[in-house]
Amino acid sequence: MVGSVILAIATVVFGLTNAIREDDYSRDHDEQIATYQTKLRSLQYPGTVVVPNSAYDYPTDHLRTVDEVKSAIRHADDAYKEKVENLPRVQAKHAALLFAAWLSACLLVYGIGLTLLWIYRGFRPKKA
């Protein structure tokens, strides 16, 4: 019983620290949009020097016109909105997975205990 409570606490702590939040999606989206805006400025003002956002890893070499960049920005916005709409399902799935992991760990420990009890009873001297 105590072991299952300890496992539950560990599972909750692990789940809370690794849960997907809207902030994660927002940060990723902001980085992507910043990269696209840098590319857009470089296309709109070709004679100026635009410092690329080297911290972001979104490829923009395939975007050759202003319209393509604007389309990519709209696509990124739509993808972000879809991710945010699906976030409750993703979080529920994550919680269900953590519950299944906790339950499996408890059942495994219980099974090991039953196996050890069976072995112990098998080697106990028989009463006459």
N, C-alpha and C. Protein backbone atom coordinates (compact mmCIF):
# COMPACT_ATOMS: atom_id res chain seq x y z
N MET A 1 0.82 -1.19 0.00
CA MET A 1 0.00 0.00 0.00
C MET A 1 0.87 1.25 0.00
N VAL A 2 1.85 1.28 0.87
CA VAL A 2 2.75 2.43 0.95
C VAL A 2 3.53 2.57 -0.36
N GLY A 3 3.92 1.44 -0.90
CA GLY A 3 4.66 1.46 -2.17
C GLY A 3 3.84 2.02 -3.31
N SER A 4 2.55 1.68 -3.35
CA SER A 4 1.70 2.20 -4.42
C SER A 4 1.49 3.70 -4.28
N VAL A 5 1.43 4.19 -3.05
CA VAL A 5 1.29 5.63 -2.83
C VAL A 5 2.57 6.34 -3.27
N ILE A 6 3.71 5.77 -2.94
CA ILE A 6 4.99 6.36 -3.36
C ILE A 6 5.09 6.36 -4.88
N LEU A 7 4.70 5.25 -5.52
CA LEU A 7 4.69 5.21 -6.98
C LEU A 7 3.73 6.23 -7.57
N ALA A 8 2.58 6.42 -6.94
CA ALA A 8 1.60 7.40 -7.42
C ALA A 8 2.18 8.81 -7.32
N ILE A 9 2.83 9.13 -6.23
CA ILE A 9 3.43 10.45 -6.07
C ILE A 9 4.53 10.67 -7.11
N ALA A 10 5.35 9.66 -7.31
CA ALA A 10 6.41 9.78 -8.32
C ALA A 10 5.82 9.95 -9.72
N THR A 11 4.75 9.24 -10.01
CA THR A 11 4.12 9.34 -11.32
C THR A 11 3.51 10.73 -11.52
N VAL A 12 2.87 11.25 -10.50
CA VAL A 12 2.27 12.59 -10.61
C VAL A 12 3.36 13.65 -10.79
N VAL A 13 4.43 13.56 -10.02
CA VAL A 13 5.52 14.53 -10.15
C VAL A 13 6.14 14.44 -11.55
N PHE A 14 6.41 13.23 -12.01
CA PHE A 14 6.96 13.05 -13.35
C PHE A 14 6.00 13.58 -14.40
N GLY A 15 4.72 13.29 -14.24
CA GLY A 15 3.71 13.73 -15.21
C GLY A 15 3.57 15.24 -15.26
N LEU A 16 3.62 15.89 -14.12
CA LEU A 16 3.49 17.34 -14.09
C LEU A 16 4.70 18.04 -14.68
N THR A 17 5.87 17.48 -14.47
CA THR A 17 7.07 18.12 -15.02
C THR A 17 7.21 17.89 -16.52
N ASN A 18 6.61 16.83 -17.05
CA ASN A 18 6.74 16.52 -18.47
C ASN A 18 5.45 16.73 -19.26
N ALA A 19 4.46 17.32 -18.65
CA ALA A 19 3.18 17.52 -19.34
C ALA A 19 3.33 18.58 -20.43
N ILE A 20 2.61 18.38 -21.50
CA ILE A 20 2.62 19.34 -22.60
C ILE A 20 1.66 20.48 -22.24
N ARG A 21 2.16 21.70 -22.38
CA ARG A 21 1.35 22.88 -22.05
C ARG A 21 1.24 23.77 -23.27
N GLU A 22 0.29 24.69 -23.21
CA GLU A 22 0.11 25.63 -24.32
C GLU A 22 1.35 26.51 -24.49
N ASP A 23 2.05 26.77 -23.40
CA ASP A 23 3.28 27.58 -23.48
C ASP A 23 4.32 26.93 -24.39
N ASP A 24 4.41 25.60 -24.36
CA ASP A 24 5.35 24.89 -25.22
C ASP A 24 5.01 25.14 -26.69
N TYR A 25 3.74 25.02 -27.01
CA TYR A 25 3.31 25.26 -28.39
C TYR A 25 3.52 26.72 -28.77
N SER A 26 3.22 27.62 -27.84
CA SER A 26 3.34 29.05 -28.11
C SER A 26 4.79 29.45 -28.37
N ARG A 27 5.69 28.94 -27.57
CA ARG A 27 7.11 29.25 -27.74
C ARG A 27 7.62 28.75 -29.09
N ASP A 28 7.24 27.53 -29.44
CA ASP A 28 7.64 26.95 -30.71
C ASP A 28 7.08 27.78 -31.88
N HIS A 29 5.83 28.17 -31.76
CA HIS A 29 5.18 28.97 -32.80
C HIS A 29 5.85 30.34 -32.94
N ASP A 30 6.15 30.98 -31.82
CA ASP A 30 6.80 32.29 -31.86
C ASP A 30 8.17 32.22 -32.52
N GLU A 31 8.92 31.16 -32.25
CA GLU A 31 10.23 30.99 -32.89
C GLU A 31 10.08 30.79 -34.39
N GLN A 32 9.10 30.01 -34.78
CA GLN A 32 8.88 29.76 -36.19
C GLN A 32 8.46 31.05 -36.91
N ILE A 33 7.57 31.81 -36.31
CA ILE A 33 7.11 33.07 -36.92
C ILE A 33 8.26 34.07 -37.00
N ALA A 34 9.11 34.14 -35.99
CA ALA A 34 10.25 35.04 -36.02
C ALA A 34 11.20 34.70 -37.17
N THR A 35 11.40 33.42 -37.41
CA THR A 35 12.24 33.00 -38.52
C THR A 35 11.62 33.40 -39.85
N TYR A 36 10.32 33.19 -39.98
CA TYR A 36 9.64 33.56 -41.22
C TYR A 36 9.64 35.08 -41.42
N GLN A 37 9.51 35.84 -40.35
CA GLN A 37 9.53 37.30 -40.48
C GLN A 37 10.91 37.80 -40.91
N THR A 38 11.94 37.14 -40.42
CA THR A 38 13.29 37.49 -40.86
C THR A 38 13.45 37.22 -42.35
N LYS A 39 12.95 36.09 -42.79
CA LYS A 39 13.00 35.76 -44.22
C LYS A 39 12.18 36.76 -45.03
N LEU A 40 11.03 37.14 -44.51
CA LEU A 40 10.16 38.10 -45.19
C LEU A 40 10.87 39.45 -45.35
N ARG A 41 11.53 39.92 -44.30
CA ARG A 41 12.28 41.18 -44.40
C ARG A 41 13.41 41.09 -45.40
N SER A 42 14.07 39.96 -45.45
CA SER A 42 15.17 39.82 -46.40
C SER A 42 14.67 39.81 -47.84
N LEU A 43 13.43 39.34 -48.06
CA LEU A 43 12.86 39.34 -49.41
C LEU A 43 12.29 40.72 -49.77
N GLN A 44 11.71 41.40 -48.79
CA GLN A 44 11.11 42.71 -49.05
C GLN A 44 12.16 43.79 -49.24
N TYR A 45 13.26 43.68 -48.54
CA TYR A 45 14.33 44.68 -48.62
C TYR A 45 15.65 43.98 -48.96
N PRO A 46 15.81 43.61 -50.23
CA PRO A 46 16.98 42.79 -50.61
C PRO A 46 18.32 43.50 -50.46
N GLY A 47 18.35 44.82 -50.44
CA GLY A 47 19.62 45.52 -50.34
C GLY A 47 20.12 45.66 -48.92
N THR A 48 19.25 45.41 -47.93
CA THR A 48 19.65 45.59 -46.54
C THR A 48 20.19 44.28 -45.97
N VAL A 49 20.97 44.43 -44.95
CA VAL A 49 21.53 43.26 -44.28
C VAL A 49 20.57 42.85 -43.17
N VAL A 50 20.07 41.64 -43.24
CA VAL A 50 19.17 41.13 -42.22
C VAL A 50 19.90 40.05 -41.44
N VAL A 51 19.96 40.24 -40.14
CA VAL A 51 20.63 39.25 -39.29
C VAL A 51 19.68 38.08 -39.10
N PRO A 52 20.09 36.89 -39.50
CA PRO A 52 19.19 35.73 -39.33
C PRO A 52 19.04 35.36 -37.85
N ASN A 53 17.93 34.73 -37.58
CA ASN A 53 17.70 34.22 -36.22
C ASN A 53 18.41 32.88 -36.09
N SER A 54 19.66 32.93 -35.73
CA SER A 54 20.46 31.71 -35.70
C SER A 54 20.02 30.75 -34.60
N ALA A 55 19.25 31.24 -33.63
CA ALA A 55 18.81 30.37 -32.54
C ALA A 55 17.67 29.45 -32.97
N TYR A 56 17.06 29.73 -34.09
CA TYR A 56 15.91 28.97 -34.53
C TYR A 56 16.30 28.05 -35.69
N ASP A 57 15.71 26.88 -35.71
CA ASP A 57 16.12 25.86 -36.67
C ASP A 57 15.11 25.63 -37.78
N TYR A 58 14.31 26.61 -38.10
CA TYR A 58 13.30 26.42 -39.14
C TYR A 58 13.90 26.75 -40.50
N PRO A 59 13.91 25.80 -41.41
CA PRO A 59 14.49 26.06 -42.73
C PRO A 59 13.59 27.01 -43.53
N THR A 60 14.22 27.97 -44.19
CA THR A 60 13.47 28.92 -45.01
C THR A 60 14.04 29.02 -46.42
N ASP A 61 14.98 28.16 -46.75
CA ASP A 61 15.60 28.23 -48.08
C ASP A 61 14.61 27.94 -49.19
N HIS A 62 13.59 27.15 -48.91
CA HIS A 62 12.60 26.81 -49.94
C HIS A 62 11.62 27.95 -50.20
N LEU A 63 11.60 28.95 -49.35
CA LEU A 63 10.70 30.09 -49.51
C LEU A 63 11.42 31.16 -50.33
N ARG A 64 10.95 31.36 -51.56
CA ARG A 64 11.67 32.25 -52.48
C ARG A 64 10.94 33.56 -52.77
N THR A 65 9.65 33.64 -52.46
CA THR A 65 8.90 34.87 -52.72
C THR A 65 8.19 35.32 -51.44
N VAL A 66 7.77 36.58 -51.46
CA VAL A 66 7.05 37.14 -50.32
C VAL A 66 5.75 36.38 -50.09
N ASP A 67 5.06 36.02 -51.18
CA ASP A 67 3.80 35.29 -51.05
C ASP A 67 4.00 33.91 -50.43
N GLU A 68 5.10 33.25 -50.76
CA GLU A 68 5.38 31.93 -50.16
C GLU A 68 5.63 32.06 -48.66
N VAL A 69 6.33 33.11 -48.26
CA VAL A 69 6.59 33.32 -46.84
C VAL A 69 5.29 33.64 -46.10
N LYS A 70 4.47 34.51 -46.70
CA LYS A 70 3.20 34.83 -46.07
C LYS A 70 2.30 33.60 -45.97
N SER A 71 2.34 32.76 -46.97
CA SER A 71 1.59 31.51 -46.94
C SER A 71 2.11 30.59 -45.83
N ALA A 72 3.43 30.54 -45.69
CA ALA A 72 4.03 29.72 -44.63
C ALA A 72 3.63 30.24 -43.25
N ILE A 73 3.55 31.56 -43.10
CA ILE A 73 3.13 32.14 -41.83
C ILE A 73 1.67 31.77 -41.54
N ARG A 74 0.80 31.86 -42.56
CA ARG A 74 -0.61 31.47 -42.36
C ARG A 74 -0.71 29.99 -42.00
N HIS A 75 0.08 29.16 -42.68
CA HIS A 75 0.08 27.72 -42.38
C HIS A 75 0.55 27.46 -40.95
N ALA A 76 1.59 28.17 -40.51
CA ALA A 76 2.10 28.01 -39.14
C ALA A 76 1.05 28.45 -38.12
N ASP A 77 0.34 29.54 -38.43
CA ASP A 77 -0.73 30.00 -37.52
C ASP A 77 -1.86 28.97 -37.43
N ASP A 78 -2.25 28.41 -38.58
CA ASP A 78 -3.30 27.40 -38.59
C ASP A 78 -2.88 26.15 -37.82
N ALA A 79 -1.61 25.73 -38.01
CA ALA A 79 -1.11 24.55 -37.31
C ALA A 79 -1.08 24.80 -35.80
N TYR A 80 -0.71 26.02 -35.40
CA TYR A 80 -0.69 26.36 -33.97
C TYR A 80 -2.10 26.30 -33.39
N LYS A 81 -3.07 26.88 -34.10
CA LYS A 81 -4.45 26.86 -33.61
C LYS A 81 -4.97 25.43 -33.49
N GLU A 82 -4.61 24.58 -34.44
CA GLU A 82 -5.04 23.17 -34.39
C GLU A 82 -4.41 22.45 -33.20
N LYS A 83 -3.13 22.72 -32.95
CA LYS A 83 -2.46 22.10 -31.80
C LYS A 83 -3.12 22.52 -30.49
N VAL A 84 -3.46 23.81 -30.38
CA VAL A 84 -4.08 24.31 -29.16
C VAL A 84 -5.47 23.70 -28.99
N GLU A 85 -6.20 23.53 -30.08
CA GLU A 85 -7.53 22.91 -30.00
C GLU A 85 -7.43 21.45 -29.56
N ASN A 86 -6.38 20.76 -29.99
CA ASN A 86 -6.21 19.34 -29.65
C ASN A 86 -5.49 19.12 -28.32
N LEU A 87 -5.06 20.20 -27.68
CA LEU A 87 -4.28 20.08 -26.45
C LEU A 87 -5.00 19.32 -25.34
N PRO A 88 -6.30 19.55 -25.07
CA PRO A 88 -6.95 18.76 -24.01
C PRO A 88 -6.93 17.26 -24.28
N ARG A 89 -7.09 16.86 -25.52
CA ARG A 89 -7.02 15.42 -25.85
C ARG A 89 -5.61 14.89 -25.62
N VAL A 90 -4.61 15.66 -26.02
CA VAL A 90 -3.23 15.22 -25.83
C VAL A 90 -2.91 15.10 -24.34
N GLN A 91 -3.38 16.06 -23.54
CA GLN A 91 -3.13 16.00 -22.11
C GLN A 91 -3.88 14.84 -21.46
N ALA A 92 -5.11 14.57 -21.91
CA ALA A 92 -5.86 13.44 -21.36
C ALA A 92 -5.18 12.12 -21.71
N LYS A 93 -4.67 12.03 -22.92
CA LYS A 93 -3.94 10.83 -23.34
C LYS A 93 -2.68 10.65 -22.49
N HIS A 94 -2.00 11.75 -22.21
CA HIS A 94 -0.80 11.71 -21.38
C HIS A 94 -1.15 11.24 -19.96
N ALA A 95 -2.25 11.76 -19.42
CA ALA A 95 -2.68 11.37 -18.06
C ALA A 95 -3.07 9.89 -18.03
N ALA A 96 -3.76 9.43 -19.06
CA ALA A 96 -4.14 8.01 -19.13
C ALA A 96 -2.91 7.12 -19.22
N LEU A 97 -1.92 7.56 -19.97
CA LEU A 97 -0.68 6.79 -20.08
C LEU A 97 0.05 6.72 -18.74
N LEU A 98 0.07 7.83 -18.02
CA LEU A 98 0.71 7.83 -16.70
C LEU A 98 -0.05 6.93 -15.73
N PHE A 99 -1.39 6.96 -15.79
CA PHE A 99 -2.18 6.09 -14.92
C PHE A 99 -1.90 4.62 -15.25
N ALA A 100 -1.82 4.30 -16.54
CA ALA A 100 -1.53 2.93 -16.94
C ALA A 100 -0.14 2.51 -16.48
N ALA A 101 0.81 3.41 -16.55
CA ALA A 101 2.17 3.09 -16.08
C ALA A 101 2.16 2.85 -14.58
N TRP A 102 1.44 3.70 -13.83
CA TRP A 102 1.37 3.51 -12.38
C TRP A 102 0.70 2.18 -12.03
N LEU A 103 -0.43 1.89 -12.70
CA LEU A 103 -1.15 0.66 -12.43
C LEU A 103 -0.30 -0.56 -12.79
N SER A 104 0.41 -0.49 -13.91
CA SER A 104 1.29 -1.60 -14.31
C SER A 104 2.39 -1.82 -13.29
N ALA A 105 2.98 -0.73 -12.81
CA ALA A 105 4.05 -0.87 -11.81
C ALA A 105 3.51 -1.48 -10.52
N CYS A 106 2.32 -1.06 -10.10
CA CYS A 106 1.72 -1.63 -8.89
C CYS A 106 1.42 -3.12 -9.07
N LEU A 107 0.87 -3.48 -10.22
CA LEU A 107 0.57 -4.89 -10.49
C LEU A 107 1.85 -5.72 -10.58
N LEU A 108 2.90 -5.15 -11.12
CA LEU A 108 4.17 -5.86 -11.20
C LEU A 108 4.73 -6.12 -9.81
N VAL A 109 4.71 -5.11 -8.96
CA VAL A 109 5.20 -5.28 -7.58
C VAL A 109 4.34 -6.30 -6.84
N TYR A 110 3.02 -6.23 -7.03
CA TYR A 110 2.10 -7.19 -6.39
C TYR A 110 2.40 -8.60 -6.89
N GLY A 111 2.62 -8.75 -8.19
CA GLY A 111 2.93 -10.06 -8.77
C GLY A 111 4.24 -10.62 -8.23
N ILE A 112 5.23 -9.76 -8.08
CA ILE A 112 6.52 -10.21 -7.53
C ILE A 112 6.32 -10.66 -6.08
N GLY A 113 5.51 -9.92 -5.34
CA GLY A 113 5.23 -10.31 -3.95
C GLY A 113 4.52 -11.66 -3.88
N LEU A 114 3.54 -11.89 -4.75
CA LEU A 114 2.85 -13.19 -4.76
C LEU A 114 3.80 -14.32 -5.15
N THR A 115 4.68 -14.05 -6.11
CA THR A 115 5.66 -15.06 -6.52
C THR A 115 6.60 -15.41 -5.38
N LEU A 116 7.09 -14.40 -4.68
CA LEU A 116 7.97 -14.66 -3.54
C LEU A 116 7.25 -15.41 -2.43
N LEU A 117 5.99 -15.08 -2.19
CA LEU A 117 5.20 -15.79 -1.19
C LEU A 117 5.01 -17.25 -1.60
N TRP A 118 4.75 -17.52 -2.87
CA TRP A 118 4.58 -18.87 -3.38
C TRP A 118 5.88 -19.67 -3.21
N ILE A 119 7.02 -19.02 -3.51
CA ILE A 119 8.31 -19.70 -3.35
C ILE A 119 8.56 -19.97 -1.87
N TYR A 120 8.30 -19.02 -1.01
CA TYR A 120 8.51 -19.19 0.42
C TYR A 120 7.66 -20.34 0.95
N ARG A 121 6.40 -20.41 0.56
CA ARG A 121 5.53 -21.48 1.02
C ARG A 121 5.97 -22.84 0.48
N GLY A 122 6.55 -22.84 -0.70
CA GLY A 122 7.01 -24.10 -1.30
C GLY A 122 8.21 -24.70 -0.59
N PHE A 123 9.06 -23.87 0.02
CA PHE A 123 10.25 -24.37 0.69
C PHE A 123 10.07 -24.48 2.20
N ARG A 124 8.92 -24.10 2.70
CA ARG A 124 8.66 -24.22 4.13
C ARG A 124 8.52 -25.70 4.49
N PRO A 125 9.02 -26.10 5.65
CA PRO A 125 8.87 -27.49 6.04
C PRO A 125 7.39 -27.85 6.23
N LYS A 126 7.02 -29.04 5.80
CA LYS A 126 5.65 -29.50 5.92
C LYS A 126 5.35 -29.89 7.35
N LYS A 127 4.15 -29.56 7.82
CA LYS A 127 3.75 -29.95 9.18
C LYS A 127 3.23 -31.39 9.13
N ALA A 128 3.55 -32.13 10.18
CA ALA A 128 3.17 -33.54 10.22
C ALA A 128 1.78 -33.77 10.67
